[in-house]
Amino acid sequence: MQIEKNNQVLTAQEEQNKVIAPQPISIHAYIQAASSQNTRIAYQADIRHFIVWGGLLPATPDILLRYLQENASALNPRTLKRRLVALKRWHTSQGLSDPTSHPLVRKTLSGILYIHGKPPEKALPFSAEQLMLLTHYLQSSGELSDWRNNALLQIGFFGAFRRSELVAMLWEHITFVSQDIEIVIPRSKTDQQGQGSTCAIPYGNSLLCPVTALNIWKEKSGISSGFVFRRILKGNKITSSGISSNSVSRIIKSLAIACQLPQAEQYSGHSLRRGFATTASQKGASFSAIMRQGRWRHENTVHGYIEEGQRFDANAAGSILDDIKPSIILTETSSE
């Protein structure tokens, strides 16, 4: 059988074998890809808050001033600042003038930050000793979710992983090298263009070993492809979908509470990454090695983590207190 098309005669088989050209990706899709999904979700929530409050789009400087005034004492100033950024992004993406750049709006926000500003709430870092306590608790329980959570904790800590990296991790990303493992991170918060990076995690010992924890979870789950850390339903039914970033924080906080850690409510998903930097520094790891393991791009971030863990090391006040001798005080008192 022959088919005539565009003045060409093709056999039916040739027509069937013709490659269909892929449809081009839309401009809208490319624009969306310029920002991470988490950023887009946050900005969308900020815009919704403004509209629910009574704001209209496009906005005016006068409306923004009233929005700032009425929410100044109720919301964290950093939240208000981010919401202005979301409004700025919306207006510029529509080709409209940016009302957030008005001098009065910017000055009002500065005043709110000055009057209502407060230090950001930071997740407490896990120490190696606390991590051992949590893993022992999980291993003694032995439920299927506990084996998953044990691997999640140890891989997250020793790999200094972000929550987003943990929930996106696939078995295909993991290579077992002798007794150690290498994990490919195709894309991350600081690598939106997908250049990729690799995290090497060595074998541990009987107390803590992320490689062993991962192997046990692999054996218990019976899964070696797709998402590593998956949702588990009642009856120990493992789903094909991975856990969410919020689930990571909930798991960590609930474990901190169960193990009765001090200030347990202040632990979150960031406690693993933060705890790695603090603990590695205390154990003598070099700054460059810590930066490399955690794939940090900004040195100031890591310096902040390290300094928090070394506040009492080589402390200036401590050098004075250590030099004070009780005999001096006793001699001066007796001479009176």
C-alpha atoms as a PDB file:
ATOM      1  CA  MET A   1       0.000   0.000   0.000  1.00  0.00           C
ATOM      2  CA  GLN A   2       1.276   3.499  -0.865  1.00  0.00           C
ATOM      3  CA  ILE A   3       0.407   6.881   0.638  1.00  0.00           C
ATOM      4  CA  GLU A   4       0.862  10.078  -1.347  1.00  0.00           C
ATOM      5  CA  LYS A   5       1.843  13.046   0.792  1.00  0.00           C
ATOM      6  CA  ASN A   6       3.528  16.325  -0.160  1.00  0.00           C
ATOM      7  CA  ASN A   7       4.182  15.004  -3.682  1.00  0.00           C
ATOM      8  CA  GLN A   8       6.090  12.054  -2.205  1.00  0.00           C
ATOM      9  CA  VAL A   9       5.068   8.430  -2.384  1.00  0.00           C
ATOM     10  CA  LEU A  10       5.679   6.545   0.871  1.00  0.00           C
ATOM     11  CA  THR A  11       4.969   2.957   1.742  1.00  0.00           C
ATOM     12  CA  ALA A  12       2.727   2.311   4.756  1.00  0.00           C
ATOM     13  CA  GLN A  13       5.717   0.964   6.689  1.00  0.00           C
ATOM     14  CA  GLU A  14       7.771   4.086   5.928  1.00  0.00           C
ATOM     15  CA  GLU A  15       4.898   6.292   7.054  1.00  0.00           C
ATOM     16  CA  GLN A  16       4.683   4.339  10.317  1.00  0.00           C
ATOM     17  CA  ASN A  17       8.421   4.648  10.910  1.00  0.00           C
ATOM     18  CA  LYS A  18       8.491   8.410  10.487  1.00  0.00           C
ATOM     19  CA  VAL A  19       9.715  10.094  13.652  1.00  0.00           C
ATOM     20  CA  ILE A  20       7.214  12.505  15.131  1.00  0.00           C
ATOM     21  CA  ALA A  21       8.942  15.764  15.993  1.00  0.00           C
ATOM     22  CA  PRO A  22       8.653  16.613  19.705  1.00  0.00           C
ATOM     23  CA  GLN A  23       6.523  19.591  20.608  1.00  0.00           C
ATOM     24  CA  PRO A  24       8.573  22.594  21.743  1.00  0.00           C
ATOM     25  CA  ILE A  25       8.476  23.465  25.427  1.00  0.00           C
ATOM     26  CA  SER A  26       6.408  26.561  26.106  1.00  0.00           C
ATOM     27  CA  ILE A  27       7.926  29.887  27.111  1.00  0.00           C
ATOM     28  CA  HIS A  28       5.809  29.760  30.273  1.00  0.00           C
ATOM     29  CA  ALA A  29       7.421  26.450  31.264  1.00  0.00           C
ATOM     30  CA  TYR A  30      10.903  27.908  30.805  1.00  0.00           C
ATOM     31  CA  ILE A  31      10.013  30.965  32.888  1.00  0.00           C
ATOM     32  CA  GLN A  32       8.661  28.744  35.663  1.00  0.00           C
ATOM     33  CA  ALA A  33      11.821  26.628  35.609  1.00  0.00           C
ATOM     34  CA  ALA A  34      13.895  29.729  36.369  1.00  0.00           C
ATOM     35  CA  SER A  35      12.701  29.503  39.994  1.00  0.00           C
ATOM     36  CA  SER A  36      12.628  26.458  42.243  1.00  0.00           C
ATOM     37  CA  GLN A  37       9.291  24.845  43.018  1.00  0.00           C
ATOM     38  CA  ASN A  38       9.610  25.724  46.707  1.00  0.00           C
ATOM     39  CA  THR A  39      10.191  29.377  45.821  1.00  0.00           C
ATOM     40  CA  ARG A  40       7.150  29.428  43.540  1.00  0.00           C
ATOM     41  CA  ILE A  41       4.971  27.813  46.207  1.00  0.00           C
ATOM     42  CA  ALA A  42       6.134  30.346  48.821  1.00  0.00           C
ATOM     43  CA  TYR A  43       5.499  33.297  46.493  1.00  0.00           C
ATOM     44  CA  GLN A  44       2.039  31.983  45.586  1.00  0.00           C
ATOM     45  CA  ALA A  45       1.175  31.706  49.290  1.00  0.00           C
ATOM     46  CA  ASP A  46       2.396  35.280  49.838  1.00  0.00           C
ATOM     47  CA  ILE A  47       0.221  36.597  47.009  1.00  0.00           C
ATOM     48  CA  ARG A  48      -2.808  34.705  48.367  1.00  0.00           C
ATOM     49  CA  HIS A  49      -2.277  36.227  51.812  1.00  0.00           C
ATOM     50  CA  PHE A  50      -2.257  39.720  50.303  1.00  0.00           C
ATOM     51  CA  ILE A  51      -5.455  39.053  48.341  1.00  0.00           C
ATOM     52  CA  VAL A  52      -7.282  37.423  51.283  1.00  0.00           C
ATOM     53  CA  TRP A  53      -6.351  40.457  53.396  1.00  0.00           C
ATOM     54  CA  GLY A  54      -8.182  42.592  50.842  1.00  0.00           C
ATOM     55  CA  GLY A  55      -5.433  43.604  48.459  1.00  0.00           C
ATOM     56  CA  LEU A  56      -5.983  43.925  44.729  1.00  0.00           C
ATOM     57  CA  LEU A  57      -3.619  43.256  41.861  1.00  0.00           C
ATOM     58  CA  PRO A  58      -2.062  45.294  40.457  1.00  0.00           C
ATOM     59  CA  ALA A  59      -1.346  46.985  43.780  1.00  0.00           C
ATOM     60  CA  THR A  60      -0.592  50.602  44.600  1.00  0.00           C
ATOM     61  CA  PRO A  61       1.917  52.036  47.106  1.00  0.00           C
ATOM     62  CA  ASP A  62      -0.970  53.292  49.290  1.00  0.00           C
ATOM     63  CA  ILE A  63      -2.487  49.797  49.545  1.00  0.00           C
ATOM     64  CA  LEU A  64       0.918  48.310  50.365  1.00  0.00           C
ATOM     65  CA  LEU A  65       1.484  50.870  53.122  1.00  0.00           C
ATOM     66  CA  ARG A  66      -1.838  49.909  54.726  1.00  0.00           C
ATOM     67  CA  TYR A  67      -1.016  46.206  54.311  1.00  0.00           C
ATOM     68  CA  LEU A  68       2.328  46.678  56.062  1.00  0.00           C
ATOM     69  CA  GLN A  69       0.815  48.749  58.871  1.00  0.00           C
ATOM     70  CA  GLU A  70      -1.979  46.276  59.659  1.00  0.00           C
ATOM     71  CA  ASN A  71       0.324  43.228  59.610  1.00  0.00           C
ATOM     72  CA  ALA A  72       3.425  44.749  61.202  1.00  0.00           C
ATOM     73  CA  SER A  73       2.767  43.493  64.711  1.00  0.00           C
ATOM     74  CA  ALA A  74       1.155  40.187  63.700  1.00  0.00           C
ATOM     75  CA  LEU A  75       3.723  38.829  61.244  1.00  0.00           C
ATOM     76  CA  ASN A  76       7.446  38.335  61.423  1.00  0.00           C
ATOM     77  CA  PRO A  77       9.091  41.302  59.649  1.00  0.00           C
ATOM     78  CA  ARG A  78      11.086  38.870  57.495  1.00  0.00           C
ATOM     79  CA  THR A  79       7.795  37.346  56.351  1.00  0.00           C
ATOM     80  CA  LEU A  80       6.511  40.779  55.364  1.00  0.00           C
ATOM     81  CA  LYS A  81       9.750  41.457  53.517  1.00  0.00           C
ATOM     82  CA  ARG A  82       9.389  38.218  51.557  1.00  0.00           C
ATOM     83  CA  ARG A  83       5.781  39.034  50.712  1.00  0.00           C
ATOM     84  CA  LEU A  84       6.855  42.316  49.227  1.00  0.00           C
ATOM     85  CA  VAL A  85       9.388  40.410  47.146  1.00  0.00           C
ATOM     86  CA  ALA A  86       6.584  38.140  45.895  1.00  0.00           C
ATOM     87  CA  LEU A  87       4.477  41.170  44.985  1.00  0.00           C
ATOM     88  CA  LYS A  88       7.442  42.732  43.227  1.00  0.00           C
ATOM     89  CA  ARG A  89       7.958  39.538  41.215  1.00  0.00           C
ATOM     90  CA  TRP A  90       4.284  39.435  40.224  1.00  0.00           C
ATOM     91  CA  HIS A  91       4.269  43.023  38.968  1.00  0.00           C
ATOM     92  CA  THR A  92       7.537  42.787  37.044  1.00  0.00           C
ATOM     93  CA  SER A  93       6.490  39.486  35.434  1.00  0.00           C
ATOM     94  CA  GLN A  94       3.356  41.254  34.174  1.00  0.00           C
ATOM     95  CA  GLY A  95       5.382  44.125  32.786  1.00  0.00           C
ATOM     96  CA  LEU A  96       3.872  46.524  35.322  1.00  0.00           C
ATOM     97  CA  SER A  97       5.532  49.160  37.465  1.00  0.00           C
ATOM     98  CA  ASP A  98       6.735  47.904  40.842  1.00  0.00           C
ATOM     99  CA  PRO A  99       4.819  49.538  43.743  1.00  0.00           C
ATOM    100  CA  THR A 100       7.145  47.925  46.321  1.00  0.00           C
ATOM    101  CA  SER A 101      10.015  50.143  45.135  1.00  0.00           C
ATOM    102  CA  HIS A 102       8.216  53.309  46.220  1.00  0.00           C
ATOM    103  CA  PRO A 103      10.398  55.195  48.754  1.00  0.00           C
ATOM    104  CA  LEU A 104       7.625  55.291  51.397  1.00  0.00           C
ATOM    105  CA  VAL A 105       7.030  51.540  51.130  1.00  0.00           C
ATOM    106  CA  ARG A 106      10.738  50.778  51.493  1.00  0.00           C
ATOM    107  CA  LYS A 107      11.152  53.201  54.404  1.00  0.00           C
ATOM    108  CA  THR A 108       8.091  51.810  56.185  1.00  0.00           C
ATOM    109  CA  LEU A 109       9.451  48.278  55.879  1.00  0.00           C
ATOM    110  CA  SER A 110      12.786  49.452  57.317  1.00  0.00           C
ATOM    111  CA  GLY A 111      10.941  50.961  60.278  1.00  0.00           C
ATOM    112  CA  ILE A 112       9.015  47.721  60.856  1.00  0.00           C
ATOM    113  CA  LEU A 113      12.253  45.759  60.830  1.00  0.00           C
ATOM    114  CA  TYR A 114      13.736  48.184  63.353  1.00  0.00           C
ATOM    115  CA  ILE A 115      10.759  48.145  65.762  1.00  0.00           C
ATOM    116  CA  HIS A 116       9.539  44.560  65.434  1.00  0.00           C
ATOM    117  CA  GLY A 117      12.692  42.784  64.295  1.00  0.00           C
ATOM    118  CA  LYS A 118      13.866  39.771  66.282  1.00  0.00           C
ATOM    119  CA  PRO A 119      16.502  37.067  65.817  1.00  0.00           C
ATOM    120  CA  PRO A 120      15.461  34.250  63.469  1.00  0.00           C
ATOM    121  CA  GLU A 121      14.436  30.950  65.004  1.00  0.00           C
ATOM    122  CA  LYS A 122      17.185  28.437  64.273  1.00  0.00           C
ATOM    123  CA  ALA A 123      16.954  24.679  64.368  1.00  0.00           C
ATOM    124  CA  LEU A 124      19.119  23.144  67.074  1.00  0.00           C
ATOM    125  CA  PRO A 125      22.014  21.071  65.700  1.00  0.00           C
ATOM    126  CA  PHE A 126      22.305  17.371  66.470  1.00  0.00           C
ATOM    127  CA  SER A 127      25.517  16.178  68.082  1.00  0.00           C
ATOM    128  CA  ALA A 128      27.021  12.755  67.353  1.00  0.00           C
ATOM    129  CA  GLU A 129      26.017  11.637  70.848  1.00  0.00           C
ATOM    130  CA  GLN A 130      22.401  12.681  70.272  1.00  0.00           C
ATOM    131  CA  LEU A 131      22.395  10.948  66.905  1.00  0.00           C
ATOM    132  CA  MET A 132      23.548   7.732  68.588  1.00  0.00           C
ATOM    133  CA  LEU A 133      20.730   8.065  71.118  1.00  0.00           C
ATOM    134  CA  LEU A 134      18.150   8.443  68.357  1.00  0.00           C
ATOM    135  CA  THR A 135      19.494   5.568  66.258  1.00  0.00           C
ATOM    136  CA  HIS A 136      19.598   3.273  69.297  1.00  0.00           C
ATOM    137  CA  TYR A 137      15.954   4.159  70.015  1.00  0.00           C
ATOM    138  CA  LEU A 138      14.976   3.319  66.424  1.00  0.00           C
ATOM    139  CA  GLN A 139      16.948   0.089  66.284  1.00  0.00           C
ATOM    140  CA  SER A 140      15.436  -1.136  69.548  1.00  0.00           C
ATOM    141  CA  SER A 141      11.924  -0.608  68.180  1.00  0.00           C
ATOM    142  CA  GLY A 142      12.483  -2.409  64.897  1.00  0.00           C
ATOM    143  CA  GLU A 143       9.347  -1.295  63.014  1.00  0.00           C
ATOM    144  CA  LEU A 144       9.644  -0.918  59.250  1.00  0.00           C
ATOM    145  CA  SER A 145       9.323   2.873  59.510  1.00  0.00           C
ATOM    146  CA  ASP A 146      12.049   2.864  62.164  1.00  0.00           C
ATOM    147  CA  TRP A 147      14.540   1.228  59.766  1.00  0.00           C
ATOM    148  CA  ARG A 148      13.669   3.851  57.175  1.00  0.00           C
ATOM    149  CA  ASN A 149      14.020   6.680  59.696  1.00  0.00           C
ATOM    150  CA  ASN A 150      17.339   5.293  60.937  1.00  0.00           C
ATOM    151  CA  ALA A 151      18.746   5.407  57.409  1.00  0.00           C
ATOM    152  CA  LEU A 152      17.193   8.863  56.881  1.00  0.00           C
ATOM    153  CA  LEU A 153      18.869  10.247  60.005  1.00  0.00           C
ATOM    154  CA  GLN A 154      22.327   8.822  59.365  1.00  0.00           C
ATOM    155  CA  ILE A 155      22.451   9.543  55.632  1.00  0.00           C
ATOM    156  CA  GLY A 156      21.049  13.034  56.260  1.00  0.00           C
ATOM    157  CA  PHE A 157      23.597  13.796  58.982  1.00  0.00           C
ATOM    158  CA  PHE A 158      26.788  12.367  57.479  1.00  0.00           C
ATOM    159  CA  GLY A 159      25.895  13.572  53.987  1.00  0.00           C
ATOM    160  CA  ALA A 160      24.870  17.015  55.292  1.00  0.00           C
ATOM    161  CA  PHE A 161      21.800  16.758  53.086  1.00  0.00           C
ATOM    162  CA  ARG A 162      19.028  19.295  52.773  1.00  0.00           C
ATOM    163  CA  ARG A 163      15.474  18.059  53.230  1.00  0.00           C
ATOM    164  CA  SER A 164      14.774  18.608  49.532  1.00  0.00           C
ATOM    165  CA  GLU A 165      17.776  16.463  48.604  1.00  0.00           C
ATOM    166  CA  LEU A 166      16.738  13.620  50.910  1.00  0.00           C
ATOM    167  CA  VAL A 167      13.182  13.383  49.605  1.00  0.00           C
ATOM    168  CA  ALA A 168      14.365  13.490  45.970  1.00  0.00           C
ATOM    169  CA  MET A 169      17.028  10.788  46.466  1.00  0.00           C
ATOM    170  CA  LEU A 170      16.686   7.729  44.229  1.00  0.00           C
ATOM    171  CA  TRP A 171      18.362   4.345  44.527  1.00  0.00           C
ATOM    172  CA  GLU A 172      19.711   4.967  41.040  1.00  0.00           C
ATOM    173  CA  HIS A 173      21.677   7.903  42.485  1.00  0.00           C
ATOM    174  CA  ILE A 174      23.584   5.638  44.906  1.00  0.00           C
ATOM    175  CA  THR A 175      26.730   3.697  44.073  1.00  0.00           C
ATOM    176  CA  PHE A 176      28.310   1.288  46.549  1.00  0.00           C
ATOM    177  CA  VAL A 177      32.094   1.655  46.366  1.00  0.00           C
ATOM    178  CA  SER A 178      33.756  -1.141  48.349  1.00  0.00           C
ATOM    179  CA  GLN A 179      32.203  -0.567  51.787  1.00  0.00           C
ATOM    180  CA  ASP A 180      31.477   3.128  51.197  1.00  0.00           C
ATOM    181  CA  ILE A 181      28.825   4.885  49.124  1.00  0.00           C
ATOM    182  CA  GLU A 182      28.676   7.751  46.646  1.00  0.00           C
ATOM    183  CA  ILE A 183      25.411   9.625  46.183  1.00  0.00           C
ATOM    184  CA  VAL A 184      24.772  11.814  43.150  1.00  0.00           C
ATOM    185  CA  ILE A 185      22.717  14.967  43.746  1.00  0.00           C
ATOM    186  CA  PRO A 186      21.419  15.894  40.268  1.00  0.00           C
ATOM    187  CA  ARG A 187      19.960  19.209  41.390  1.00  0.00           C
ATOM    188  CA  SER A 188      19.789  21.180  44.637  1.00  0.00           C
ATOM    189  CA  LYS A 189      18.851  24.508  46.156  1.00  0.00           C
ATOM    190  CA  THR A 190      22.162  26.062  45.128  1.00  0.00           C
ATOM    191  CA  ASP A 191      22.354  24.144  41.845  1.00  0.00           C
ATOM    192  CA  GLN A 192      19.167  25.051  39.992  1.00  0.00           C
ATOM    193  CA  GLN A 193      20.835  24.541  36.599  1.00  0.00           C
ATOM    194  CA  GLY A 194      21.418  20.861  37.297  1.00  0.00           C
ATOM    195  CA  GLN A 195      25.204  20.704  37.066  1.00  0.00           C
ATOM    196  CA  GLY A 196      25.087  17.984  39.722  1.00  0.00           C
ATOM    197  CA  SER A 197      27.433  17.001  42.534  1.00  0.00           C
ATOM    198  CA  THR A 198      28.501  13.858  44.378  1.00  0.00           C
ATOM    199  CA  CYS A 199      28.539  13.182  48.114  1.00  0.00           C
ATOM    200  CA  ALA A 200      30.858  10.471  49.454  1.00  0.00           C
ATOM    201  CA  ILE A 201      29.898   8.804  52.738  1.00  0.00           C
ATOM    202  CA  PRO A 202      32.363   6.344  54.342  1.00  0.00           C
ATOM    203  CA  TYR A 203      31.629   3.208  56.299  1.00  0.00           C
ATOM    204  CA  GLY A 204      31.301   3.747  60.050  1.00  0.00           C
ATOM    205  CA  ASN A 205      31.430   1.432  63.046  1.00  0.00           C
ATOM    206  CA  SER A 206      29.109  -0.498  65.343  1.00  0.00           C
ATOM    207  CA  LEU A 207      27.807   2.702  66.945  1.00  0.00           C
ATOM    208  CA  LEU A 208      27.046   4.768  63.855  1.00  0.00           C
ATOM    209  CA  CYS A 209      27.235   3.638  60.242  1.00  0.00           C
ATOM    210  CA  PRO A 210      25.152   5.332  57.541  1.00  0.00           C
ATOM    211  CA  VAL A 211      26.153   2.683  54.974  1.00  0.00           C
ATOM    212  CA  THR A 212      24.895  -0.151  57.181  1.00  0.00           C
ATOM    213  CA  ALA A 213      21.711   1.766  58.013  1.00  0.00           C
ATOM    214  CA  LEU A 214      21.004   2.263  54.311  1.00  0.00           C
ATOM    215  CA  ASN A 215      21.707  -1.375  53.465  1.00  0.00           C
ATOM    216  CA  ILE A 216      19.368  -2.580  56.224  1.00  0.00           C
ATOM    217  CA  TRP A 217      16.590  -0.303  54.976  1.00  0.00           C
ATOM    218  CA  LYS A 218      17.150  -1.583  51.442  1.00  0.00           C
ATOM    219  CA  GLU A 219      16.891  -5.165  52.668  1.00  0.00           C
ATOM    220  CA  LYS A 220      13.856  -4.565  54.891  1.00  0.00           C
ATOM    221  CA  SER A 221      11.965  -2.621  52.198  1.00  0.00           C
ATOM    222  CA  GLY A 222      12.868  -4.986  49.367  1.00  0.00           C
ATOM    223  CA  ILE A 223      13.166  -1.986  47.034  1.00  0.00           C
ATOM    224  CA  SER A 224      16.233  -1.056  45.020  1.00  0.00           C
ATOM    225  CA  SER A 225      14.879   1.464  42.499  1.00  0.00           C
ATOM    226  CA  GLY A 226      12.963   4.707  42.672  1.00  0.00           C
ATOM    227  CA  PHE A 227      12.651   6.849  45.781  1.00  0.00           C
ATOM    228  CA  VAL A 228      14.847   5.792  48.694  1.00  0.00           C
ATOM    229  CA  PHE A 229      12.759   7.243  51.505  1.00  0.00           C
ATOM    230  CA  ARG A 230       9.124   6.376  50.866  1.00  0.00           C
ATOM    231  CA  ARG A 231       5.795   6.798  52.587  1.00  0.00           C
ATOM    232  CA  ILE A 232       4.673   3.794  54.606  1.00  0.00           C
ATOM    233  CA  LEU A 233       0.962   3.195  55.107  1.00  0.00           C
ATOM    234  CA  LYS A 234      -0.825   1.089  57.709  1.00  0.00           C
ATOM    235  CA  GLY A 235       0.047  -2.556  57.503  1.00  0.00           C
ATOM    236  CA  ASN A 236       3.631  -1.703  56.491  1.00  0.00           C
ATOM    237  CA  LYS A 237       2.549  -1.018  52.913  1.00  0.00           C
ATOM    238  CA  ILE A 238       5.342   0.905  51.183  1.00  0.00           C
ATOM    239  CA  THR A 239       4.111   3.344  48.556  1.00  0.00           C
ATOM    240  CA  SER A 240       5.876   4.307  45.341  1.00  0.00           C
ATOM    241  CA  SER A 241       5.976   7.980  46.356  1.00  0.00           C
ATOM    242  CA  GLY A 242       8.679   9.571  48.463  1.00  0.00           C
ATOM    243  CA  ILE A 243       8.122  11.310  51.783  1.00  0.00           C
ATOM    244  CA  SER A 244       7.723  15.094  51.784  1.00  0.00           C
ATOM    245  CA  SER A 245      10.112  17.729  53.127  1.00  0.00           C
ATOM    246  CA  ASN A 246       7.642  18.498  55.919  1.00  0.00           C
ATOM    247  CA  SER A 247       7.565  14.804  56.827  1.00  0.00           C
ATOM    248  CA  VAL A 248      11.335  14.872  57.376  1.00  0.00           C
ATOM    249  CA  SER A 249      10.944  17.677  59.915  1.00  0.00           C
ATOM    250  CA  ARG A 250       8.034  15.936  61.634  1.00  0.00           C
ATOM    251  CA  ILE A 251       9.972  12.674  61.898  1.00  0.00           C
ATOM    252  CA  ILE A 252      12.999  14.392  63.414  1.00  0.00           C
ATOM    253  CA  LYS A 253      10.984  16.461  65.871  1.00  0.00           C
ATOM    254  CA  SER A 254       8.936  13.459  67.012  1.00  0.00           C
ATOM    255  CA  LEU A 255      12.134  11.452  67.583  1.00  0.00           C
ATOM    256  CA  ALA A 256      13.696  14.297  69.576  1.00  0.00           C
ATOM    257  CA  ILE A 257      10.576  14.392  71.758  1.00  0.00           C
ATOM    258  CA  ALA A 258      10.465  10.593  72.142  1.00  0.00           C
ATOM    259  CA  CYS A 259      14.113  10.548  73.242  1.00  0.00           C
ATOM    260  CA  GLN A 260      13.467  13.479  75.605  1.00  0.00           C
ATOM    261  CA  LEU A 261      16.149  15.738  74.167  1.00  0.00           C
ATOM    262  CA  PRO A 262      16.300  19.205  75.784  1.00  0.00           C
ATOM    263  CA  GLN A 263      14.278  21.772  73.807  1.00  0.00           C
ATOM    264  CA  ALA A 264      13.025  18.955  71.576  1.00  0.00           C
ATOM    265  CA  GLU A 265      10.535  21.231  69.791  1.00  0.00           C
ATOM    266  CA  GLN A 266      13.418  23.215  68.283  1.00  0.00           C
ATOM    267  CA  TYR A 267      14.750  20.311  66.215  1.00  0.00           C
ATOM    268  CA  SER A 268      13.817  20.079  62.548  1.00  0.00           C
ATOM    269  CA  GLY A 269      15.045  18.779  59.207  1.00  0.00           C
ATOM    270  CA  HIS A 270      17.808  21.372  59.221  1.00  0.00           C
ATOM    271  CA  SER A 271      19.196  19.938  62.475  1.00  0.00           C
ATOM    272  CA  LEU A 272      21.000  17.205  60.507  1.00  0.00           C
ATOM    273  CA  ARG A 273      22.873  19.501  58.124  1.00  0.00           C
ATOM    274  CA  ARG A 274      23.576  22.065  60.806  1.00  0.00           C
ATOM    275  CA  GLY A 275      24.668  19.386  63.245  1.00  0.00           C
ATOM    276  CA  PHE A 276      27.111  17.905  60.756  1.00  0.00           C
ATOM    277  CA  ALA A 277      28.945  21.216  60.270  1.00  0.00           C
ATOM    278  CA  THR A 278      29.118  21.900  64.006  1.00  0.00           C
ATOM    279  CA  THR A 279      30.198  18.386  64.977  1.00  0.00           C
ATOM    280  CA  ALA A 280      32.724  17.978  62.141  1.00  0.00           C
ATOM    281  CA  SER A 281      34.421  21.213  63.179  1.00  0.00           C
ATOM    282  CA  GLN A 282      34.564  20.137  66.817  1.00  0.00           C
ATOM    283  CA  LYS A 283      36.162  16.843  65.733  1.00  0.00           C
ATOM    284  CA  GLY A 284      38.903  18.670  63.834  1.00  0.00           C
ATOM    285  CA  ALA A 285      37.668  18.519  60.231  1.00  0.00           C
ATOM    286  CA  SER A 286      39.081  21.295  58.054  1.00  0.00           C
ATOM    287  CA  PHE A 287      36.874  24.124  56.873  1.00  0.00           C
ATOM    288  CA  SER A 288      37.343  23.135  53.223  1.00  0.00           C
ATOM    289  CA  ALA A 289      36.405  19.504  53.964  1.00  0.00           C
ATOM    290  CA  ILE A 290      33.206  20.623  55.706  1.00  0.00           C
ATOM    291  CA  MET A 291      32.342  22.933  52.800  1.00  0.00           C
ATOM    292  CA  ARG A 292      32.934  20.115  50.304  1.00  0.00           C
ATOM    293  CA  GLN A 293      30.872  17.507  52.160  1.00  0.00           C
ATOM    294  CA  GLY A 294      27.914  19.834  52.616  1.00  0.00           C
ATOM    295  CA  ARG A 295      28.235  21.352  49.125  1.00  0.00           C
ATOM    296  CA  TRP A 296      27.960  24.841  50.612  1.00  0.00           C
ATOM    297  CA  ARG A 297      28.525  27.760  48.267  1.00  0.00           C
ATOM    298  CA  HIS A 298      28.724  30.554  50.870  1.00  0.00           C
ATOM    299  CA  GLU A 299      31.515  30.477  53.435  1.00  0.00           C
ATOM    300  CA  ASN A 300      29.674  32.781  55.862  1.00  0.00           C
ATOM    301  CA  THR A 301      26.921  30.195  56.335  1.00  0.00           C
ATOM    302  CA  VAL A 302      29.393  27.521  57.401  1.00  0.00           C
ATOM    303  CA  HIS A 303      31.377  29.969  59.544  1.00  0.00           C
ATOM    304  CA  GLY A 304      28.151  30.723  61.404  1.00  0.00           C
ATOM    305  CA  TYR A 305      27.486  27.042  62.118  1.00  0.00           C
ATOM    306  CA  ILE A 306      31.060  26.461  63.268  1.00  0.00           C
ATOM    307  CA  GLU A 307      31.192  29.516  65.511  1.00  0.00           C
ATOM    308  CA  GLU A 308      27.988  28.459  67.265  1.00  0.00           C
ATOM    309  CA  GLY A 309      29.619  25.168  68.180  1.00  0.00           C
ATOM    310  CA  GLN A 310      32.835  26.791  69.384  1.00  0.00           C
ATOM    311  CA  ARG A 311      31.525  29.594  71.577  1.00  0.00           C
ATOM    312  CA  PHE A 312      33.124  28.096  74.667  1.00  0.00           C
ATOM    313  CA  ASP A 313      36.343  27.039  72.928  1.00  0.00           C
ATOM    314  CA  ALA A 314      39.218  29.494  73.478  1.00  0.00           C
ATOM    315  CA  ASN A 315      36.642  31.756  75.116  1.00  0.00           C
ATOM    316  CA  ALA A 316      38.143  35.114  76.193  1.00  0.00           C
ATOM    317  CA  ALA A 317      36.039  35.253  79.353  1.00  0.00           C
ATOM    318  CA  GLY A 318      37.071  31.707  80.171  1.00  0.00           C
ATOM    319  CA  SER A 319      40.765  32.606  80.045  1.00  0.00           C
ATOM    320  CA  ILE A 320      40.157  35.217  82.754  1.00  0.00           C
ATOM    321  CA  LEU A 321      38.057  32.917  84.906  1.00  0.00           C
ATOM    322  CA  ASP A 322      40.593  30.096  84.625  1.00  0.00           C
ATOM    323  CA  ASP A 323      43.377  32.407  85.792  1.00  0.00           C
ATOM    324  CA  ILE A 324      41.601  33.509  88.985  1.00  0.00           C
ATOM    325  CA  LYS A 325      43.103  31.653  91.951  1.00  0.00           C
ATOM    326  CA  PRO A 326      41.149  31.124  95.189  1.00  0.00           C
ATOM    327  CA  SER A 327      44.304  31.819  97.210  1.00  0.00           C
ATOM    328  CA  ILE A 328      44.333  35.428  96.012  1.00  0.00           C
ATOM    329  CA  ILE A 329      40.823  36.043  97.312  1.00  0.00           C
ATOM    330  CA  LEU A 330      41.563  34.310 100.646  1.00  0.00           C
ATOM    331  CA  THR A 331      44.777  36.326 101.149  1.00  0.00           C
ATOM    332  CA  GLU A 332      43.078  39.676 100.535  1.00  0.00           C
ATOM    333  CA  THR A 333      40.172  38.773 102.836  1.00  0.00           C
ATOM    334  CA  SER A 334      42.399  37.629 105.738  1.00  0.00           C
ATOM    335  CA  SER A 335      44.549  40.768 105.548  1.00  0.00           C
ATOM    336  CA  GLU A 336      41.516  42.933 106.263  1.00  0.00           C
END
